[in-house]
Amino acid sequence: MTVHLYLSLVPEALIASMLEPEEFGSYYAVGTKKKSSGQAIFLEVDPNFRSEYFRIKEGMARCVPHEDGAPKASIYISVYRVLEHVDVSALGKLYLVTQDGRTLSLDPAEHIPDLDGGLHLYKEIAPVTPLIASRLNPLEFYDLIVKNPTSLVTLPAIAFAELRLGELANDPEMGEVGDLPYSNMDHLREVLKDLRTKPVATKMVDRGSPASFAYRTVKNGLYIGNESALNYYPMPSSNELRENNYRWWRSANM
């Protein structure tokens, strides 16, 4: 059986597994008797990737079938400072898994598209999980947090998604909320208004935000990067998801 290497973002871990991505997603999200269930996000990692920081060869060697021939579901290689030590060039598809184990795969794009103006809302996924509002577009936000920080707050690597703001992106005071599901909307409006009137580039919306988030709120895609490179994983539109991945879309919107 083939041994796969997966980088989990929720929670952060490097895992060897004999399960194919869809099977791993279901196992990882739905859980077992000894594991709680919940949303999962993970990436395929080139099985030939090696780093002195990880005991990958040993972990993959331990990933062998059970006595009854069933594939080994997971061998944890590392659960600490994983994202920063995996080469972005070794990352393959990204998988978004719903709480009931439906898996959507996203391919990395060759180029990051032109980015629009207005205000932005970012959900950091790993290694920390705050919700951040910003005047910066995704490339500028990544540059500020990872490559060229202007404050004491910096990260060696980051995984984040840009979330929809709708009319609030251009009119935080009077814009219609629509179907935006964010809690404490008055606070969000105040934060966005401050970004338009004060000389700050980013402001914290929720420092205690959980790692999980509603997939339907993703505006354009997810970003995974470190000091050397940034990968962009575009998210299909709602119409595309309804037409081509209806079971996943319905599960994600329950």
C-alpha atoms as a PDB file:
ATOM      1  CA  MET A   1       0.000   0.000   0.000  1.00  0.00           C
ATOM      2  CA  THR A   2       1.125   3.537  -0.763  1.00  0.00           C
ATOM      3  CA  VAL A   3       2.117   5.705   2.184  1.00  0.00           C
ATOM      4  CA  HIS A   4       0.977   9.306   1.879  1.00  0.00           C
ATOM      5  CA  LEU A   5       2.310  12.347   3.674  1.00  0.00           C
ATOM      6  CA  TYR A   6      -0.245  14.943   4.807  1.00  0.00           C
ATOM      7  CA  LEU A   7       0.157  18.388   6.359  1.00  0.00           C
ATOM      8  CA  SER A   8      -2.855  19.041   8.560  1.00  0.00           C
ATOM      9  CA  LEU A   9      -3.689  22.674   9.259  1.00  0.00           C
ATOM     10  CA  VAL A  10      -6.627  22.035  11.627  1.00  0.00           C
ATOM     11  CA  PRO A  11      -4.948  21.032  13.874  1.00  0.00           C
ATOM     12  CA  GLU A  12      -1.346  21.602  12.699  1.00  0.00           C
ATOM     13  CA  ALA A  13       0.448  18.263  12.220  1.00  0.00           C
ATOM     14  CA  LEU A  14       2.535  16.190   9.808  1.00  0.00           C
ATOM     15  CA  ILE A  15       0.974  12.770   9.328  1.00  0.00           C
ATOM     16  CA  ALA A  16       1.835   9.601   7.420  1.00  0.00           C
ATOM     17  CA  SER A  17      -1.175   7.591   6.264  1.00  0.00           C
ATOM     18  CA  MET A  18      -2.084   4.664   4.028  1.00  0.00           C
ATOM     19  CA  LEU A  19      -5.456   6.236   3.265  1.00  0.00           C
ATOM     20  CA  GLU A  20      -6.171   8.062   0.007  1.00  0.00           C
ATOM     21  CA  PRO A  21      -6.998  11.775   0.479  1.00  0.00           C
ATOM     22  CA  GLU A  22     -10.794  11.368   0.433  1.00  0.00           C
ATOM     23  CA  GLU A  23     -10.613   8.442   2.868  1.00  0.00           C
ATOM     24  CA  PHE A  24      -8.190  10.344   5.095  1.00  0.00           C
ATOM     25  CA  GLY A  25     -10.454  13.387   5.081  1.00  0.00           C
ATOM     26  CA  SER A  26     -13.440  11.329   6.206  1.00  0.00           C
ATOM     27  CA  TYR A  27     -11.391   9.568   8.898  1.00  0.00           C
ATOM     28  CA  TYR A  28      -9.843  12.811  10.111  1.00  0.00           C
ATOM     29  CA  ALA A  29     -13.083  14.811  10.269  1.00  0.00           C
ATOM     30  CA  VAL A  30     -15.660  12.261  11.390  1.00  0.00           C
ATOM     31  CA  GLY A  31     -13.376  10.735  14.001  1.00  0.00           C
ATOM     32  CA  THR A  32     -13.095   7.410  15.769  1.00  0.00           C
ATOM     33  CA  LYS A  33     -13.829   6.185  19.272  1.00  0.00           C
ATOM     34  CA  LYS A  34     -10.599   7.793  20.462  1.00  0.00           C
ATOM     35  CA  LYS A  35     -10.828  11.013  18.426  1.00  0.00           C
ATOM     36  CA  SER A  36     -13.329  13.870  18.418  1.00  0.00           C
ATOM     37  CA  SER A  37     -14.920  14.961  15.158  1.00  0.00           C
ATOM     38  CA  GLY A  38     -14.824  18.334  13.430  1.00  0.00           C
ATOM     39  CA  GLN A  39     -13.854  20.310  10.354  1.00  0.00           C
ATOM     40  CA  ALA A  40     -10.464  19.443   8.830  1.00  0.00           C
ATOM     41  CA  ILE A  41      -8.103  21.160   6.382  1.00  0.00           C
ATOM     42  CA  PHE A  42      -5.010  19.403   5.074  1.00  0.00           C
ATOM     43  CA  LEU A  43      -2.564  19.332   2.167  1.00  0.00           C
ATOM     44  CA  GLU A  44      -0.797  16.574   0.313  1.00  0.00           C
ATOM     45  CA  VAL A  45       2.975  16.685   0.757  1.00  0.00           C
ATOM     46  CA  ASP A  46       5.422  15.170  -1.720  1.00  0.00           C
ATOM     47  CA  PRO A  47       6.289  11.793  -0.107  1.00  0.00           C
ATOM     48  CA  ASN A  48       9.902  12.356  -1.146  1.00  0.00           C
ATOM     49  CA  PHE A  49      10.119  15.542   0.939  1.00  0.00           C
ATOM     50  CA  ARG A  50      12.672  15.341   3.732  1.00  0.00           C
ATOM     51  CA  SER A  51      13.778  17.754   6.444  1.00  0.00           C
ATOM     52  CA  GLU A  52      16.183  17.460   9.342  1.00  0.00           C
ATOM     53  CA  TYR A  53      13.426  18.865  11.527  1.00  0.00           C
ATOM     54  CA  PHE A  54      11.140  15.828  10.971  1.00  0.00           C
ATOM     55  CA  ARG A  55      11.685  12.084  11.417  1.00  0.00           C
ATOM     56  CA  ILE A  56       9.809  11.437   8.185  1.00  0.00           C
ATOM     57  CA  LYS A  57      11.598   8.271   7.102  1.00  0.00           C
ATOM     58  CA  GLU A  58      11.000   6.654  10.487  1.00  0.00           C
ATOM     59  CA  GLY A  59       7.366   7.755  10.564  1.00  0.00           C
ATOM     60  CA  MET A  60       6.624   6.386   7.094  1.00  0.00           C
ATOM     61  CA  ALA A  61       8.365   3.120   7.976  1.00  0.00           C
ATOM     62  CA  ARG A  62       5.978   2.716  10.911  1.00  0.00           C
ATOM     63  CA  CYS A  63       2.974   3.229   8.659  1.00  0.00           C
ATOM     64  CA  VAL A  64       2.203  -0.443   7.956  1.00  0.00           C
ATOM     65  CA  PRO A  65      -1.094  -2.354   7.625  1.00  0.00           C
ATOM     66  CA  HIS A  66      -2.847  -3.726  10.692  1.00  0.00           C
ATOM     67  CA  GLU A  67      -2.769  -7.459  11.380  1.00  0.00           C
ATOM     68  CA  ASP A  68      -6.090  -7.884   9.590  1.00  0.00           C
ATOM     69  CA  GLY A  69      -4.709  -6.146   6.500  1.00  0.00           C
ATOM     70  CA  ALA A  70      -6.565  -2.863   7.034  1.00  0.00           C
ATOM     71  CA  PRO A  71      -4.532   0.221   6.082  1.00  0.00           C
ATOM     72  CA  LYS A  72      -2.903   2.269   8.827  1.00  0.00           C
ATOM     73  CA  ALA A  73      -4.884   5.491   9.055  1.00  0.00           C
ATOM     74  CA  SER A  74      -2.324   7.762  10.701  1.00  0.00           C
ATOM     75  CA  ILE A  75       1.155   7.975  12.140  1.00  0.00           C
ATOM     76  CA  TYR A  76       1.846  11.394  13.646  1.00  0.00           C
ATOM     77  CA  ILE A  77       5.333  12.574  12.730  1.00  0.00           C
ATOM     78  CA  SER A  78       5.114  16.044  14.273  1.00  0.00           C
ATOM     79  CA  VAL A  79       2.527  18.299  15.933  1.00  0.00           C
ATOM     80  CA  TYR A  80       4.682  21.353  16.630  1.00  0.00           C
ATOM     81  CA  ARG A  81       5.923  24.136  14.312  1.00  0.00           C
ATOM     82  CA  VAL A  82       5.089  22.015  11.299  1.00  0.00           C
ATOM     83  CA  LEU A  83       3.999  24.576   8.701  1.00  0.00           C
ATOM     84  CA  GLU A  84       7.198  26.627   8.875  1.00  0.00           C
ATOM     85  CA  HIS A  85       9.394  23.547   8.260  1.00  0.00           C
ATOM     86  CA  VAL A  86       7.625  22.163   5.177  1.00  0.00           C
ATOM     87  CA  ASP A  87       8.815  23.521   1.833  1.00  0.00           C
ATOM     88  CA  VAL A  88       5.982  25.236  -0.015  1.00  0.00           C
ATOM     89  CA  SER A  89       7.298  23.646  -3.216  1.00  0.00           C
ATOM     90  CA  ALA A  90       6.527  20.203  -1.711  1.00  0.00           C
ATOM     91  CA  LEU A  91       2.837  21.001  -1.202  1.00  0.00           C
ATOM     92  CA  GLY A  92       0.215  19.542  -3.535  1.00  0.00           C
ATOM     93  CA  LYS A  93      -3.576  19.665  -3.422  1.00  0.00           C
ATOM     94  CA  LEU A  94      -5.389  21.275  -0.499  1.00  0.00           C
ATOM     95  CA  TYR A  95      -8.465  19.558   0.957  1.00  0.00           C
ATOM     96  CA  LEU A  96     -11.389  21.193   2.756  1.00  0.00           C
ATOM     97  CA  VAL A  97     -13.333  18.639   4.800  1.00  0.00           C
ATOM     98  CA  THR A  98     -16.760  19.207   6.303  1.00  0.00           C
ATOM     99  CA  GLN A  99     -17.771  17.943   9.738  1.00  0.00           C
ATOM    100  CA  ASP A 100     -19.465  14.900   8.209  1.00  0.00           C
ATOM    101  CA  GLY A 101     -16.391  13.968   6.171  1.00  0.00           C
ATOM    102  CA  ARG A 102     -17.143  15.393   2.698  1.00  0.00           C
ATOM    103  CA  THR A 103     -13.904  16.382   0.981  1.00  0.00           C
ATOM    104  CA  LEU A 104     -13.280  19.106  -1.615  1.00  0.00           C
ATOM    105  CA  SER A 105      -9.875  19.229  -3.307  1.00  0.00           C
ATOM    106  CA  LEU A 106      -8.303  22.494  -4.482  1.00  0.00           C
ATOM    107  CA  ASP A 107      -5.361  22.740  -6.857  1.00  0.00           C
ATOM    108  CA  PRO A 108      -2.671  25.406  -6.426  1.00  0.00           C
ATOM    109  CA  ALA A 109      -2.877  28.143  -9.053  1.00  0.00           C
ATOM    110  CA  GLU A 110       0.098  29.033 -11.216  1.00  0.00           C
ATOM    111  CA  HIS A 111      -0.514  32.729 -10.615  1.00  0.00           C
ATOM    112  CA  ILE A 112      -2.271  34.851  -8.021  1.00  0.00           C
ATOM    113  CA  PRO A 113      -4.954  36.886  -9.826  1.00  0.00           C
ATOM    114  CA  ASP A 114      -5.339  40.650  -9.762  1.00  0.00           C
ATOM    115  CA  LEU A 115      -6.672  41.701  -6.379  1.00  0.00           C
ATOM    116  CA  ASP A 116      -9.480  44.188  -5.865  1.00  0.00           C
ATOM    117  CA  GLY A 117      -9.527  47.146  -3.511  1.00  0.00           C
ATOM    118  CA  GLY A 118     -11.667  47.842  -0.490  1.00  0.00           C
ATOM    119  CA  LEU A 119     -11.288  46.407   2.984  1.00  0.00           C
ATOM    120  CA  HIS A 120     -10.438  42.776   3.676  1.00  0.00           C
ATOM    121  CA  LEU A 121     -11.171  40.141   6.315  1.00  0.00           C
ATOM    122  CA  TYR A 122      -8.619  37.388   6.916  1.00  0.00           C
ATOM    123  CA  LYS A 123      -9.050  34.139   8.838  1.00  0.00           C
ATOM    124  CA  GLU A 124      -5.652  32.905   9.932  1.00  0.00           C
ATOM    125  CA  ILE A 125      -5.703  29.107  10.070  1.00  0.00           C
ATOM    126  CA  ALA A 126      -2.181  28.159  11.193  1.00  0.00           C
ATOM    127  CA  PRO A 127      -0.005  28.468  13.185  1.00  0.00           C
ATOM    128  CA  VAL A 128      -2.303  30.972  14.962  1.00  0.00           C
ATOM    129  CA  THR A 129      -6.021  31.514  14.405  1.00  0.00           C
ATOM    130  CA  PRO A 130      -7.159  35.159  14.907  1.00  0.00           C
ATOM    131  CA  LEU A 131      -9.657  36.961  12.689  1.00  0.00           C
ATOM    132  CA  ILE A 132      -8.037  40.084  11.196  1.00  0.00           C
ATOM    133  CA  ALA A 133      -9.446  43.042   9.267  1.00  0.00           C
ATOM    134  CA  SER A 134      -7.083  44.910   6.967  1.00  0.00           C
ATOM    135  CA  ARG A 135      -6.651  47.571   4.302  1.00  0.00           C
ATOM    136  CA  LEU A 136      -4.014  45.299   2.721  1.00  0.00           C
ATOM    137  CA  ASN A 137      -4.740  42.872  -0.097  1.00  0.00           C
ATOM    138  CA  PRO A 138      -3.714  39.211   0.452  1.00  0.00           C
ATOM    139  CA  LEU A 139      -0.203  39.622  -1.018  1.00  0.00           C
ATOM    140  CA  GLU A 140       0.440  42.733   1.065  1.00  0.00           C
ATOM    141  CA  PHE A 141      -0.947  41.009   4.184  1.00  0.00           C
ATOM    142  CA  TYR A 142       1.342  37.990   3.665  1.00  0.00           C
ATOM    143  CA  ASP A 143       4.289  40.319   3.098  1.00  0.00           C
ATOM    144  CA  LEU A 144       3.539  42.225   6.311  1.00  0.00           C
ATOM    145  CA  ILE A 145       3.122  39.125   8.475  1.00  0.00           C
ATOM    146  CA  VAL A 146       5.890  36.916   7.081  1.00  0.00           C
ATOM    147  CA  LYS A 147       8.395  38.615   4.792  1.00  0.00           C
ATOM    148  CA  ASN A 148       8.741  42.255   5.780  1.00  0.00           C
ATOM    149  CA  PRO A 149       7.114  42.835   9.162  1.00  0.00           C
ATOM    150  CA  THR A 150       6.951  46.401  10.426  1.00  0.00           C
ATOM    151  CA  SER A 151       5.902  45.421  13.947  1.00  0.00           C
ATOM    152  CA  LEU A 152       7.062  42.947  16.566  1.00  0.00           C
ATOM    153  CA  VAL A 153       4.329  40.533  15.477  1.00  0.00           C
ATOM    154  CA  THR A 154       5.677  38.190  12.798  1.00  0.00           C
ATOM    155  CA  LEU A 155       5.310  34.567  11.753  1.00  0.00           C
ATOM    156  CA  PRO A 156       7.771  32.274   9.915  1.00  0.00           C
ATOM    157  CA  ALA A 157       4.887  30.849   7.860  1.00  0.00           C
ATOM    158  CA  ILE A 158       1.151  31.339   7.551  1.00  0.00           C
ATOM    159  CA  ALA A 159      -1.996  29.697   6.236  1.00  0.00           C
ATOM    160  CA  PHE A 160      -4.983  31.999   5.829  1.00  0.00           C
ATOM    161  CA  ALA A 161      -8.193  32.537   3.892  1.00  0.00           C
ATOM    162  CA  GLU A 162      -9.795  35.778   2.768  1.00  0.00           C
ATOM    163  CA  LEU A 163     -13.423  35.895   3.876  1.00  0.00           C
ATOM    164  CA  ARG A 164     -16.304  37.777   2.264  1.00  0.00           C
ATOM    165  CA  LEU A 165     -17.266  41.215   3.504  1.00  0.00           C
ATOM    166  CA  GLY A 166     -19.818  42.043   0.821  1.00  0.00           C
ATOM    167  CA  GLU A 167     -20.938  45.663   0.967  1.00  0.00           C
ATOM    168  CA  LEU A 168     -19.006  46.192   4.201  1.00  0.00           C
ATOM    169  CA  ALA A 169     -15.744  46.148   2.216  1.00  0.00           C
ATOM    170  CA  ASN A 170     -16.557  49.584   0.822  1.00  0.00           C
ATOM    171  CA  ASP A 171     -19.176  50.874   3.252  1.00  0.00           C
ATOM    172  CA  PRO A 172     -18.641  49.457   6.749  1.00  0.00           C
ATOM    173  CA  GLU A 173     -21.139  51.846   8.340  1.00  0.00           C
ATOM    174  CA  MET A 174     -24.170  51.537   6.054  1.00  0.00           C
ATOM    175  CA  GLY A 175     -23.430  48.469   3.898  1.00  0.00           C
ATOM    176  CA  GLU A 176     -25.970  45.635   3.983  1.00  0.00           C
ATOM    177  CA  VAL A 177     -24.919  42.558   5.970  1.00  0.00           C
ATOM    178  CA  GLY A 178     -26.769  40.172   3.662  1.00  0.00           C
ATOM    179  CA  ASP A 179     -25.970  36.533   4.425  1.00  0.00           C
ATOM    180  CA  LEU A 180     -22.714  37.216   6.285  1.00  0.00           C
ATOM    181  CA  PRO A 181     -22.717  34.907   9.347  1.00  0.00           C
ATOM    182  CA  TYR A 182     -20.170  36.703  11.528  1.00  0.00           C
ATOM    183  CA  SER A 183     -20.971  37.249  15.193  1.00  0.00           C
ATOM    184  CA  ASN A 184     -20.915  40.702  16.820  1.00  0.00           C
ATOM    185  CA  MET A 185     -21.480  42.567  13.564  1.00  0.00           C
ATOM    186  CA  ASP A 186     -21.462  45.955  15.309  1.00  0.00           C
ATOM    187  CA  HIS A 187     -17.902  45.301  16.489  1.00  0.00           C
ATOM    188  CA  LEU A 188     -16.836  44.260  12.983  1.00  0.00           C
ATOM    189  CA  ARG A 189     -18.296  47.469  11.537  1.00  0.00           C
ATOM    190  CA  GLU A 190     -16.380  49.555  14.094  1.00  0.00           C
ATOM    191  CA  VAL A 191     -13.098  47.784  13.297  1.00  0.00           C
ATOM    192  CA  LEU A 192     -13.599  48.297   9.565  1.00  0.00           C
ATOM    193  CA  LYS A 193     -14.522  51.937  10.093  1.00  0.00           C
ATOM    194  CA  ASP A 194     -11.301  52.473  12.093  1.00  0.00           C
ATOM    195  CA  LEU A 195      -9.272  51.092   9.179  1.00  0.00           C
ATOM    196  CA  ARG A 196     -10.751  53.764   6.920  1.00  0.00           C
ATOM    197  CA  THR A 197     -10.137  56.641   9.321  1.00  0.00           C
ATOM    198  CA  LYS A 198      -6.931  55.756  11.208  1.00  0.00           C
ATOM    199  CA  PRO A 199      -3.337  55.188  10.003  1.00  0.00           C
ATOM    200  CA  VAL A 200      -3.283  51.446  10.678  1.00  0.00           C
ATOM    201  CA  ALA A 201      -3.068  48.622   8.137  1.00  0.00           C
ATOM    202  CA  THR A 202      -4.590  45.808  10.203  1.00  0.00           C
ATOM    203  CA  LYS A 203      -6.824  45.447  13.237  1.00  0.00           C
ATOM    204  CA  MET A 204      -7.780  42.439  15.327  1.00  0.00           C
ATOM    205  CA  VAL A 205     -11.429  41.445  15.090  1.00  0.00           C
ATOM    206  CA  ASP A 206     -11.284  38.338  17.297  1.00  0.00           C
ATOM    207  CA  ARG A 207      -8.066  37.061  18.885  1.00  0.00           C
ATOM    208  CA  GLY A 208      -9.865  34.000  20.258  1.00  0.00           C
ATOM    209  CA  SER A 209     -11.341  32.924  16.936  1.00  0.00           C
ATOM    210  CA  PRO A 210     -11.420  29.107  16.512  1.00  0.00           C
ATOM    211  CA  ALA A 211      -9.434  27.497  13.706  1.00  0.00           C
ATOM    212  CA  SER A 212     -12.603  26.322  11.937  1.00  0.00           C
ATOM    213  CA  PHE A 213     -14.771  28.664   9.858  1.00  0.00           C
ATOM    214  CA  ALA A 214     -17.702  28.529   7.454  1.00  0.00           C
ATOM    215  CA  TYR A 215     -16.358  27.509   4.043  1.00  0.00           C
ATOM    216  CA  ARG A 216     -19.136  29.454   2.314  1.00  0.00           C
ATOM    217  CA  THR A 217     -17.582  32.682   3.593  1.00  0.00           C
ATOM    218  CA  VAL A 218     -14.355  32.228   1.594  1.00  0.00           C
ATOM    219  CA  LYS A 219     -14.145  35.120  -0.856  1.00  0.00           C
ATOM    220  CA  ASN A 220     -11.539  33.890  -3.334  1.00  0.00           C
ATOM    221  CA  GLY A 221      -9.264  31.211  -1.919  1.00  0.00           C
ATOM    222  CA  LEU A 222      -6.684  30.128   0.618  1.00  0.00           C
ATOM    223  CA  TYR A 223      -3.032  31.105   0.889  1.00  0.00           C
ATOM    224  CA  ILE A 224      -0.139  29.020   2.258  1.00  0.00           C
ATOM    225  CA  GLY A 225       3.290  30.635   2.500  1.00  0.00           C
ATOM    226  CA  ASN A 226       6.603  30.992   4.271  1.00  0.00           C
ATOM    227  CA  GLU A 227       9.551  33.337   3.844  1.00  0.00           C
ATOM    228  CA  SER A 228      10.479  31.821   0.470  1.00  0.00           C
ATOM    229  CA  ALA A 229       7.188  31.287  -1.386  1.00  0.00           C
ATOM    230  CA  LEU A 230       3.405  31.608  -1.350  1.00  0.00           C
ATOM    231  CA  ASN A 231       0.864  29.139  -2.764  1.00  0.00           C
ATOM    232  CA  TYR A 232      -2.642  30.245  -3.711  1.00  0.00           C
ATOM    233  CA  TYR A 233      -5.561  27.795  -3.798  1.00  0.00           C
ATOM    234  CA  PRO A 234      -8.563  29.381  -5.569  1.00  0.00           C
ATOM    235  CA  MET A 235     -12.024  28.513  -4.285  1.00  0.00           C
ATOM    236  CA  PRO A 236     -14.717  27.660  -6.853  1.00  0.00           C
ATOM    237  CA  SER A 237     -17.779  29.891  -6.945  1.00  0.00           C
ATOM    238  CA  SER A 238     -20.996  28.849  -5.195  1.00  0.00           C
ATOM    239  CA  ASN A 239     -22.567  28.087  -8.576  1.00  0.00           C
ATOM    240  CA  GLU A 240     -19.651  25.850  -9.566  1.00  0.00           C
ATOM    241  CA  LEU A 241     -19.812  24.026  -6.245  1.00  0.00           C
ATOM    242  CA  ARG A 242     -23.561  23.460  -6.558  1.00  0.00           C
ATOM    243  CA  GLU A 243     -23.151  22.087 -10.077  1.00  0.00           C
ATOM    244  CA  ASN A 244     -19.985  20.013  -9.665  1.00  0.00           C
ATOM    245  CA  ASN A 245     -19.665  19.232  -5.938  1.00  0.00           C
ATOM    246  CA  TYR A 246     -23.238  19.367  -4.713  1.00  0.00           C
ATOM    247  CA  ARG A 247     -22.886  16.894  -1.828  1.00  0.00           C
ATOM    248  CA  TRP A 248     -19.903  18.804  -0.435  1.00  0.00           C
ATOM    249  CA  TRP A 249     -21.592  22.183  -0.969  1.00  0.00           C
ATOM    250  CA  ARG A 250     -24.756  21.049   0.796  1.00  0.00           C
ATOM    251  CA  SER A 251     -22.759  19.611   3.690  1.00  0.00           C
ATOM    252  CA  ALA A 252     -20.677  22.796   3.983  1.00  0.00           C
ATOM    253  CA  ASN A 253     -23.852  24.891   4.186  1.00  0.00           C
ATOM    254  CA  MET A 254     -25.731  22.841   6.771  1.00  0.00           C
END
